Amino acid sequence: MRVAARSALAGSEIFQVGFVVADLDASLRAFARSFGLSSWLGWNYDGELLGWRSFEGEPAEFSMRLAIAGEGPQVELIEAVDGPDVYSGWLAEGEPARLHHFGFVVDSFEATRERLQAEGAPLVMAAGGHGIDGDGAFGYFDTRGSGTGLWTEVIQPARERRVPGEVIEIEGV
């Protein structure tokens, strides 16, 4: 699906649909049962994997567990571990999972950041340096007030991504 709006992301494909989850392991099983997504790649995004992290424009220490499956778009499940972050508080009491963001791949994180911020979408949380060569960046822009209630993630992929921390196969689906 292409974004049709006049924005910094006009014409871009939705690369990722991201959910915040209360319990990553339970959500992996639920998404496998409900949607047939039984093969996942998992990472711990923390200070060991990420070369830099920021929250509201300041250096920050946050971490999360995440898993991705599929493509066109890929599905991402994120469990907040330590904040400050844009995930904590996203779930209502007792809610196991909730749609959080659409993610878009861009050639230049910085150029897209400048355009989105000029359009009134502030960058709240960002990180990068997770590629083999210390490249790659991602960030969450606050587009919740645009009528969608969702965040927008901008992703400049690493040229070569580190191997996943785990490959997860959910049996019996």
Protein backbone atom coordinates (compact mmCIF):
# COMPACT_ATOMS: atom_id res chain seq x y z
CA MET A 1 0.00 0.00 0.00
CA ARG A 2 1.38 3.40 -1.01
CA VAL A 3 0.96 6.59 0.98
CA ALA A 4 -1.01 9.04 -1.12
CA ALA A 5 -0.89 12.09 1.15
CA ARG A 6 1.26 15.08 0.35
CA SER A 7 4.01 14.54 2.84
CA ALA A 8 7.66 13.62 3.17
CA LEU A 9 6.56 9.99 2.74
CA ALA A 10 4.24 10.46 -0.28
CA GLY A 11 4.61 7.56 -2.69
CA SER A 12 6.35 5.38 -0.09
CA GLU A 13 5.26 1.81 0.55
CA ILE A 14 4.23 0.80 4.04
CA PHE A 15 7.12 -1.49 4.90
CA GLN A 16 6.09 -2.45 8.42
CA VAL A 17 3.07 -2.67 10.67
CA GLY A 18 4.18 -2.46 14.29
CA PHE A 19 2.37 -3.61 17.42
CA VAL A 20 3.26 -2.99 21.04
CA VAL A 21 2.68 -6.15 23.07
CA ALA A 22 2.56 -6.87 26.78
CA ASP A 23 4.31 -10.25 26.49
CA LEU A 24 6.35 -10.96 23.37
CA ASP A 25 6.39 -14.74 23.80
CA ALA A 26 2.61 -14.98 24.28
CA SER A 27 2.00 -12.61 21.37
CA LEU A 28 4.21 -14.66 19.05
CA ARG A 29 2.00 -17.68 19.75
CA ALA A 30 -1.21 -15.64 19.35
CA PHE A 31 -0.10 -14.10 16.03
CA ALA A 32 0.94 -17.55 14.78
CA ARG A 33 -2.45 -19.06 15.68
CA SER A 34 -4.50 -16.14 14.37
CA PHE A 35 -2.56 -15.11 11.28
CA GLY A 36 -0.30 -18.08 10.43
CA LEU A 37 2.88 -16.11 11.19
CA SER A 38 4.96 -18.96 12.56
CA SER A 39 8.51 -17.89 11.56
CA TRP A 40 9.99 -14.89 13.40
CA LEU A 41 13.38 -13.21 13.76
CA GLY A 42 14.03 -11.76 17.21
CA TRP A 43 16.42 -9.16 18.64
CA ASN A 44 17.09 -7.40 21.90
CA TYR A 45 17.45 -3.73 20.98
CA ASP A 46 19.62 -2.39 23.78
CA GLY A 47 22.95 -0.64 24.39
CA GLU A 48 24.88 -3.65 23.08
CA LEU A 49 23.11 -3.64 19.71
CA LEU A 50 22.39 0.07 19.24
CA GLY A 51 25.29 2.47 18.79
CA TRP A 52 23.22 5.49 19.81
CA ARG A 53 19.79 6.19 21.31
CA SER A 54 17.82 9.37 21.91
CA PHE A 55 14.49 10.37 23.40
CA GLU A 56 13.02 13.85 22.94
CA GLY A 57 16.32 15.05 21.47
CA GLU A 58 18.52 13.94 24.35
CA PRO A 59 20.73 10.85 24.73
CA ALA A 60 18.71 8.10 26.38
CA GLU A 61 18.90 4.50 27.49
CA PHE A 62 15.97 2.38 26.43
CA SER A 63 15.62 -1.22 25.39
CA MET A 64 13.04 -3.50 23.89
CA ARG A 65 12.58 -7.05 22.68
CA LEU A 66 11.19 -7.33 19.20
CA ALA A 67 10.37 -9.89 16.58
CA ILE A 68 9.54 -9.52 12.89
CA ALA A 69 7.77 -11.81 10.45
CA GLY A 70 6.62 -11.69 6.86
CA GLU A 71 7.07 -9.01 4.27
CA GLY A 72 5.00 -6.65 2.18
CA PRO A 73 4.46 -5.39 4.90
CA GLN A 74 6.39 -7.10 7.65
CA VAL A 75 4.79 -7.44 11.07
CA GLU A 76 6.77 -6.24 14.08
CA LEU A 77 5.94 -7.07 17.70
CA ILE A 78 7.64 -4.93 20.37
CA GLU A 79 7.79 -5.51 24.11
CA ALA A 80 9.14 -2.51 26.04
CA VAL A 81 11.86 -3.50 28.51
CA ASP A 82 13.27 -0.21 29.80
CA GLY A 83 12.40 3.40 29.00
CA PRO A 84 11.91 6.22 28.36
CA ASP A 85 10.27 5.13 25.13
CA VAL A 86 7.22 5.53 22.90
CA TYR A 87 5.88 2.08 23.82
CA SER A 88 5.32 2.25 27.59
CA GLY A 89 1.76 3.23 28.42
CA TRP A 90 0.54 2.39 24.91
CA LEU A 91 -1.47 -0.63 26.04
CA ALA A 92 -4.66 -0.30 28.03
CA GLU A 93 -4.85 -2.31 31.27
CA GLY A 94 -4.97 -6.02 30.40
CA GLU A 95 -4.62 -5.40 26.64
CA PRO A 96 -2.23 -7.98 25.09
CA ALA A 97 -1.39 -6.10 21.86
CA ARG A 98 -2.19 -2.84 20.10
CA LEU A 99 -1.36 -1.36 16.71
CA HIS A 100 1.34 1.28 17.25
CA HIS A 101 2.90 2.43 13.97
CA PHE A 102 3.40 2.13 10.25
CA GLY A 103 7.06 1.97 9.24
CA PHE A 104 8.61 3.36 6.06
CA VAL A 105 12.03 2.66 4.57
CA VAL A 106 13.90 5.77 3.41
CA ASP A 107 17.24 6.46 1.73
CA SER A 108 18.17 9.19 4.19
CA PHE A 109 16.95 9.26 7.76
CA GLU A 110 18.22 12.82 8.28
CA ALA A 111 16.63 14.26 5.13
CA THR A 112 13.29 12.62 5.96
CA ARG A 113 13.54 13.81 9.57
CA GLU A 114 13.96 17.39 8.38
CA ARG A 115 10.95 17.15 6.04
CA LEU A 116 8.67 15.49 8.62
CA GLN A 117 9.59 17.96 11.33
CA ALA A 118 8.94 20.84 8.91
CA GLU A 119 5.48 19.32 8.40
CA GLY A 120 4.88 19.40 12.17
CA ALA A 121 5.70 15.78 13.08
CA PRO A 122 8.31 15.85 15.85
CA LEU A 123 10.91 13.12 16.23
CA VAL A 124 10.41 11.69 19.73
CA MET A 125 12.57 8.55 19.86
CA ALA A 126 15.43 7.44 17.61
CA ALA A 127 18.32 5.01 17.56
CA GLY A 128 20.83 3.55 15.20
CA GLY A 129 24.22 2.05 14.63
CA HIS A 130 22.81 -1.47 14.63
CA GLY A 131 24.41 -2.52 11.36
CA ILE A 132 27.65 -4.48 11.08
CA ASP A 133 29.42 -1.23 10.08
CA GLY A 134 27.63 0.89 12.71
CA ASP A 135 25.13 2.27 10.19
CA GLY A 136 21.34 2.14 10.12
CA ALA A 137 18.85 4.38 11.91
CA PHE A 138 15.20 4.43 12.89
CA GLY A 139 12.97 6.93 14.59
CA TYR A 140 9.40 7.47 15.72
CA PHE A 141 7.61 10.65 14.67
CA ASP A 142 4.53 11.79 16.53
CA THR A 143 1.76 11.66 13.93
CA ARG A 144 -0.92 10.59 16.39
CA GLY A 145 -2.78 13.89 16.01
CA SER A 146 -3.12 13.47 12.23
CA GLY A 147 -6.38 11.56 12.62
CA THR A 148 -4.85 8.07 12.71
CA GLY A 149 -3.82 7.94 16.35
CA LEU A 150 -0.64 6.13 15.19
CA TRP A 151 3.06 6.84 15.26
CA THR A 152 5.15 6.88 12.07
CA GLU A 153 8.46 5.05 12.05
CA VAL A 154 11.15 6.02 9.56
CA ILE A 155 13.77 3.35 8.88
CA GLN A 156 17.10 3.75 7.10
CA PRO A 157 18.22 0.12 6.97
CA ALA A 158 21.76 -0.91 7.76
CA ARG A 159 23.69 -2.02 4.68
CA GLU A 160 24.29 -5.31 6.50
CA ARG A 161 22.16 -6.14 9.49
CA ARG A 162 23.50 -8.13 12.41
CA VAL A 163 22.24 -11.68 12.66
CA PRO A 164 19.09 -12.03 14.75
CA GLY A 165 19.47 -12.89 18.41
CA GLU A 166 17.08 -15.74 17.81
CA VAL A 167 15.11 -17.45 15.08
CA ILE A 168 11.70 -18.39 16.43
CA GLU A 169 9.54 -21.12 14.93
CA ILE A 170 6.10 -21.51 16.44
CA GLU A 171 5.03 -25.15 16.11
CA GLY A 172 1.52 -26.46 15.66
CA VAL A 173 -0.08 -23.69 13.62
